[in-house]
């Protein structure tokens, strides 16, 4: 494996770099949930892991790669994009519309003939298509982990839905479920 890392260690590095949470990174990497906090802590002291994290930091500093903040800014610009902000009071495209506005997906300008014969005139038509703001909002929500991949738990035909946003919350839910399971097994 690269830099003397196991596959679990490489996954840990990538997830820790992405999430900033060692415990959650260790869980995703596949380490045992029983010793996860200890492993997460120990991993952050290992030279090969700290070296890999430094390598990832250097790559992230490369201006050619969009970092998380930049991706969030672009998605926010798309989510906030409105055709009305691009038009003047006569419903024509403003002169100063920035063509690099992230909300703009496509701009097409073409000429059409209005009228017939000697009275025909050419008119310039510009069509603007914006990116779907709902998709941008959905991606922002996924980046913020607003959605949960956690399974639904059904007990005695009652459904309990957990929305888990952090590893600490996940651990609390696991402890809660373990306690419920022990009580149910005792009856």
Foldseek 3Di string as FASTA:
>chain_A
DPLPDDQLLVQLLVVCLLPVDLLVSNVVSPDDNVCSVVCSVVSCVDPSSVVVNVVVVVVQPPPVDDDPVNLLVLLVQLLPDDLVVQADPVRHGDPPPDPVRSQWDDKDKDWDWDDDDPPIDIDIDIDTDTDDNVVSVVVVCVSQQQDDPDDWDADPNDTDDDRDRDPVVVVVVVVVVVVVVVVVVVD
